[in-house]
C-alpha atoms as a PDB file:
ATOM      1  CA  MET A   1      16.620  20.251 -22.300  1.00  0.00           C
ATOM      2  CA  ASN A   2      20.303  21.447 -21.963  1.00  0.00           C
ATOM      3  CA  ARG A   3      21.801  17.813 -20.075  1.00  0.00           C
ATOM      4  CA  LEU A   4      19.488  16.277 -23.146  1.00  0.00           C
ATOM      5  CA  TRP A   5      21.417  18.445 -25.466  1.00  0.00           C
ATOM      6  CA  ARG A   6      24.912  17.881 -24.053  1.00  0.00           C
ATOM      7  CA  VAL A   7      24.227  13.610 -23.867  1.00  0.00           C
ATOM      8  CA  MET A   8      23.038  13.504 -27.398  1.00  0.00           C
ATOM      9  CA  THR A   9      26.161  15.483 -28.522  1.00  0.00           C
ATOM     10  CA  CYS A  10      28.871  13.686 -26.690  1.00  0.00           C
ATOM     11  CA  HIS A  11      26.841  10.624 -28.319  1.00  0.00           C
ATOM     12  CA  LEU A  12      27.189  11.406 -31.936  1.00  0.00           C
ATOM     13  CA  VAL A  13      30.247  12.773 -31.370  1.00  0.00           C
ATOM     14  CA  THR A  14      31.892  10.042 -30.144  1.00  0.00           C
ATOM     15  CA  SER A  15      30.015   7.677 -32.852  1.00  0.00           C
ATOM     16  CA  LEU A  16      29.878   9.805 -35.808  1.00  0.00           C
ATOM     17  CA  CYS A  17      33.450  11.168 -35.416  1.00  0.00           C
ATOM     18  CA  PRO A  18      36.107   8.796 -35.099  1.00  0.00           C
ATOM     19  CA  THR A  19      38.925  11.488 -36.444  1.00  0.00           C
ATOM     20  CA  GLY A  20      37.921  13.770 -33.518  1.00  0.00           C
ATOM     21  CA  ALA A  21      37.784  16.493 -35.440  1.00  0.00           C
ATOM     22  CA  VAL A  22      33.634  18.284 -35.166  1.00  0.00           C
ATOM     23  CA  GLU A  23      32.584  20.701 -37.686  1.00  0.00           C
ATOM     24  CA  LEU A  24      29.536  22.634 -36.747  1.00  0.00           C
ATOM     25  CA  ALA A  25      27.060  24.653 -38.790  1.00  0.00           C
ATOM     26  CA  CYS A  26      24.818  27.862 -37.106  1.00  0.00           C
ATOM     27  CA  ASP A  27      21.592  28.559 -38.809  1.00  0.00           C
ATOM     28  CA  ASP A  28      18.712  30.754 -37.950  1.00  0.00           C
ATOM     29  CA  THR A  29      15.190  29.426 -39.221  1.00  0.00           C
ATOM     30  CA  LEU A  30      11.703  30.177 -39.219  1.00  0.00           C
ATOM     31  CA  PHE A  31       9.285  27.756 -37.788  1.00  0.00           C
ATOM     32  CA  HIS A  32       6.074  28.121 -38.702  1.00  0.00           C
ATOM     33  CA  HIS A  33       4.244  27.766 -35.507  1.00  0.00           C
ATOM     34  CA  ASP A  34       1.653  29.673 -34.068  1.00  0.00           C
ATOM     35  CA  GLY A  35      -0.956  30.862 -31.805  1.00  0.00           C
ATOM     36  CA  PRO A  36      -2.081  32.437 -28.992  1.00  0.00           C
ATOM     37  CA  LYS A  37      -0.775  29.916 -26.598  1.00  0.00           C
ATOM     38  CA  VAL A  38       2.650  29.223 -28.874  1.00  0.00           C
ATOM     39  CA  HIS A  39       5.668  31.400 -26.421  1.00  0.00           C
ATOM     40  CA  GLY A  40       8.056  32.845 -28.327  1.00  0.00           C
ATOM     41  CA  ALA A  41       6.410  33.770 -31.546  1.00  0.00           C
ATOM     42  CA  GLY A  42       6.165  36.686 -33.343  1.00  0.00           C
ATOM     43  CA  ILE A  43       6.572  37.873 -37.261  1.00  0.00           C
ATOM     44  CA  PHE A  44       9.391  37.413 -38.669  1.00  0.00           C
ATOM     45  CA  ARG A  45      11.307  38.042 -41.840  1.00  0.00           C
ATOM     46  CA  ASP A  46      10.619  34.796 -43.849  1.00  0.00           C
ATOM     47  CA  ALA A  47      14.619  33.888 -46.132  1.00  0.00           C
ATOM     48  CA  VAL A  48      12.992  31.305 -47.800  1.00  0.00           C
ATOM     49  CA  ARG A  49       9.637  33.258 -49.443  1.00  0.00           C
ATOM     50  CA  SER A  50      11.333  36.451 -49.441  1.00  0.00           C
ATOM     51  CA  THR A  51      13.392  37.524 -52.925  1.00  0.00           C
ATOM     52  CA  LEU A  52      15.939  40.950 -53.584  1.00  0.00           C
ATOM     53  CA  ARG A  53      12.641  42.383 -54.803  1.00  0.00           C
ATOM     54  CA  ARG A  54      10.141  41.583 -52.519  1.00  0.00           C
ATOM     55  CA  VAL A  55      10.299  41.026 -48.240  1.00  0.00           C
ATOM     56  CA  VAL A  56       8.154  38.309 -46.904  1.00  0.00           C
ATOM     57  CA  TYR A  57       6.973  38.304 -43.253  1.00  0.00           C
ATOM     58  CA  ALA A  58       5.317  35.462 -41.670  1.00  0.00           C
ATOM     59  CA  ARG A  59       4.666  34.402 -38.061  1.00  0.00           C
ATOM     60  CA  GLY A  60       6.456  32.254 -36.531  1.00  0.00           C
ATOM     61  CA  LEU A  61       9.528  31.172 -34.371  1.00  0.00           C
ATOM     62  CA  ASN A  62      12.437  31.983 -35.370  1.00  0.00           C
ATOM     63  CA  LEU A  63      14.895  29.446 -34.027  1.00  0.00           C
ATOM     64  CA  VAL A  64      18.502  29.550 -33.615  1.00  0.00           C
ATOM     65  CA  VAL A  65      20.036  25.768 -34.733  1.00  0.00           C
ATOM     66  CA  ILE A  66      23.582  24.178 -34.312  1.00  0.00           C
ATOM     67  CA  THR A  67      24.417  21.372 -36.031  1.00  0.00           C
ATOM     68  CA  LEU A  68      26.801  18.878 -36.305  1.00  0.00           C
ATOM     69  CA  GLN A  69      28.202  17.998 -39.754  1.00  0.00           C
ATOM     70  CA  VAL A  70      28.550  14.546 -40.567  1.00  0.00           C
ATOM     71  CA  HIS A  71      29.980  13.097 -43.285  1.00  0.00           C
ATOM     72  CA  PRO A  72      28.395   9.888 -44.729  1.00  0.00           C
ATOM     73  CA  PRO A  73      30.817   7.312 -45.719  1.00  0.00           C
ATOM     74  CA  TRP A  74      29.607   6.584 -48.732  1.00  0.00           C
ATOM     75  CA  GLY A  75      30.240  10.477 -49.483  1.00  0.00           C
ATOM     76  CA  GLY A  76      27.898  12.985 -50.887  1.00  0.00           C
ATOM     77  CA  CYS A  77      26.990  16.396 -48.967  1.00  0.00           C
ATOM     78  CA  PRO A  78      27.436  16.025 -45.425  1.00  0.00           C
ATOM     79  CA  VAL A  79      24.383  15.765 -43.047  1.00  0.00           C
ATOM     80  CA  ALA A  80      23.719  18.216 -40.776  1.00  0.00           C
ATOM     81  CA  VAL A  81      22.709  16.732 -36.967  1.00  0.00           C
ATOM     82  CA  PRO A  82      21.040  19.202 -35.214  1.00  0.00           C
ATOM     83  CA  VAL A  83      22.768  19.401 -31.302  1.00  0.00           C
ATOM     84  CA  ASN A  84      21.338  22.408 -30.077  1.00  0.00           C
ATOM     85  CA  VAL A  85      18.583  24.549 -30.455  1.00  0.00           C
ATOM     86  CA  ARG A  86      17.025  27.653 -29.106  1.00  0.00           C
ATOM     87  CA  VAL A  87      14.287  30.028 -29.609  1.00  0.00           C
ATOM     88  CA  HIS A  88      15.258  33.843 -30.509  1.00  0.00           C
ATOM     89  CA  ASN A  89      12.011  36.096 -29.407  1.00  0.00           C
ATOM     90  CA  LYS A  90      10.995  38.889 -30.692  1.00  0.00           C
ATOM     91  CA  HIS A  91      12.363  41.914 -28.471  1.00  0.00           C
ATOM     92  CA  ASP A  92      14.446  39.961 -27.267  1.00  0.00           C
ATOM     93  CA  THR A  93      17.542  41.626 -25.930  1.00  0.00           C
ATOM     94  CA  THR A  94      20.318  38.915 -27.154  1.00  0.00           C
ATOM     95  CA  THR A  95      21.087  38.477 -30.785  1.00  0.00           C
ATOM     96  CA  THR A  96      20.977  35.316 -32.740  1.00  0.00           C
ATOM     97  CA  ILE A  97      24.586  35.663 -32.875  1.00  0.00           C
ATOM     98  CA  ALA A  98      24.879  35.853 -29.492  1.00  0.00           C
ATOM     99  CA  HIS A  99      22.277  33.057 -28.791  1.00  0.00           C
ATOM    100  CA  ALA A 100      24.836  31.026 -31.438  1.00  0.00           C
ATOM    101  CA  ALA A 101      28.089  31.594 -29.431  1.00  0.00           C
ATOM    102  CA  ALA A 102      26.108  30.632 -26.244  1.00  0.00           C
ATOM    103  CA  MET A 103      25.266  27.590 -27.185  1.00  0.00           C
ATOM    104  CA  ILE A 104      28.873  26.742 -28.800  1.00  0.00           C
ATOM    105  CA  THR A 105      30.541  27.688 -25.669  1.00  0.00           C
ATOM    106  CA  GLU A 106      27.683  24.907 -23.840  1.00  0.00           C
ATOM    107  CA  ILE A 107      29.212  22.432 -26.403  1.00  0.00           C
ATOM    108  CA  ALA A 108      33.118  23.191 -25.903  1.00  0.00           C
ATOM    109  CA  GLY A 109      32.430  22.674 -22.750  1.00  0.00           C
END
Protein backbone atom coordinates (compact mmCIF):
# COMPACT_ATOMS: atom_id res chain seq x y z
CA MET A 1 0.00 0.00 0.00
CA ASN A 2 2.83 2.43 0.77
CA ARG A 3 4.13 2.15 -2.80
CA LEU A 4 0.64 2.77 -4.20
CA TRP A 5 0.17 5.86 -2.01
CA ARG A 6 3.63 7.14 -3.05
CA VAL A 7 2.96 6.73 -6.77
CA MET A 8 -0.49 8.31 -6.49
CA THR A 9 0.84 11.25 -4.45
CA CYS A 10 3.64 11.94 -6.95
CA HIS A 11 1.16 11.89 -9.82
CA LEU A 12 -1.30 14.20 -8.01
CA VAL A 13 1.39 16.71 -7.02
CA THR A 14 2.85 16.93 -10.53
CA SER A 15 -0.55 17.29 -12.20
CA LEU A 16 -2.50 19.39 -9.65
CA CYS A 17 0.19 21.57 -8.02
CA PRO A 18 1.88 23.38 -10.94
CA THR A 19 3.49 26.02 -8.72
CA GLY A 20 5.19 23.40 -6.57
CA ALA A 21 3.49 24.57 -3.38
CA VAL A 22 1.90 21.60 -1.63
CA GLU A 23 -0.73 22.07 1.07
CA LEU A 24 -1.48 19.03 3.23
CA ALA A 25 -4.19 18.54 5.85
CA CYS A 26 -4.48 15.88 8.52
CA ASP A 27 -7.48 14.56 10.42
CA ASP A 28 -8.64 11.45 12.19
CA THR A 29 -12.09 10.16 11.46
CA LEU A 30 -14.36 7.37 12.60
CA PHE A 31 -15.27 4.98 9.81
CA HIS A 32 -18.41 3.07 10.83
CA HIS A 33 -17.29 -0.40 9.82
CA ASP A 34 -17.27 -3.13 12.41
CA GLY A 35 -17.69 -6.82 12.88
CA PRO A 36 -15.82 -9.78 14.29
CA LYS A 37 -13.50 -10.02 11.28
CA VAL A 38 -12.64 -6.30 10.98
CA HIS A 39 -9.08 -5.82 12.23
CA GLY A 40 -8.61 -2.65 14.31
CA ALA A 41 -12.27 -1.98 15.01
CA GLY A 42 -13.03 -0.56 18.42
CA ILE A 43 -15.22 1.86 20.30
CA PHE A 44 -14.19 5.47 19.70
CA ARG A 45 -15.65 8.92 20.35
CA ASP A 46 -17.80 10.00 17.42
CA ALA A 47 -16.97 13.66 16.87
CA VAL A 48 -19.80 14.19 14.37
CA ARG A 49 -22.60 13.05 16.68
CA SER A 50 -21.09 14.36 19.95
CA THR A 51 -21.98 17.74 21.44
CA LEU A 52 -20.56 19.80 24.28
CA ARG A 53 -22.97 18.22 26.75
CA ARG A 54 -23.28 14.72 25.33
CA VAL A 55 -20.45 12.45 24.20
CA VAL A 56 -21.40 9.71 21.74
CA TYR A 57 -19.27 6.63 21.25
CA ALA A 58 -19.52 4.38 18.21
CA ARG A 59 -17.92 1.20 16.97
CA GLY A 60 -15.71 1.36 13.91
CA LEU A 61 -12.24 2.11 12.61
CA ASN A 62 -10.32 5.19 13.69
CA LEU A 63 -8.55 6.33 10.51
CA VAL A 64 -5.78 8.93 10.36
CA VAL A 65 -5.94 10.58 6.92
CA ILE A 66 -3.49 12.90 5.14
CA THR A 67 -5.05 14.85 2.27
CA LEU A 68 -3.67 17.05 -0.48
CA GLN A 69 -5.55 20.35 -0.63
CA VAL A 70 -6.25 21.20 -4.26
CA HIS A 71 -7.62 24.63 -5.19
CA PRO A 72 -9.83 24.10 -8.26
CA PRO A 73 -9.30 26.49 -11.18
CA TRP A 74 -12.98 27.51 -11.14
CA GLY A 75 -12.65 28.80 -7.56
CA GLY A 76 -14.54 27.88 -4.46
CA CYS A 77 -13.47 25.76 -1.54
CA PRO A 78 -10.38 23.57 -1.85
CA VAL A 79 -10.87 19.87 -2.52
CA ALA A 80 -9.20 17.38 -0.18
CA VAL A 81 -7.74 14.38 -2.02
CA PRO A 82 -6.50 11.57 0.28
CA VAL A 83 -2.85 10.70 -0.23
CA ASN A 84 -2.27 8.38 2.74
CA VAL A 85 -4.27 6.68 5.49
CA ARG A 86 -3.53 4.53 8.53
CA VAL A 87 -5.68 2.69 11.05
CA HIS A 88 -5.22 3.72 14.67
CA ASN A 89 -5.98 0.74 16.88
CA LYS A 90 -7.67 1.17 20.26
CA HIS A 91 -4.74 0.03 22.42
CA ASP A 92 -1.99 1.16 20.04
CA THR A 93 1.05 2.73 21.69
CA THR A 94 1.47 4.99 18.65
CA THR A 95 -0.71 8.09 18.90
CA THR A 96 -2.71 9.56 16.04
CA ILE A 97 -0.26 12.47 15.93
CA ALA A 98 2.67 10.05 15.60
CA HIS A 99 0.86 8.26 12.75
CA ALA A 100 0.32 11.60 11.00
CA ALA A 101 3.95 12.64 11.50
CA ALA A 102 5.18 9.33 10.07
CA MET A 103 2.94 9.69 7.01
CA ILE A 104 4.06 13.29 6.40
CA THR A 105 7.69 12.17 6.68
CA GLU A 106 7.02 9.46 4.09
CA ILE A 107 5.38 12.01 1.76
CA ALA A 108 8.27 14.47 2.20
CA GLY A 109 10.76 11.75 1.31
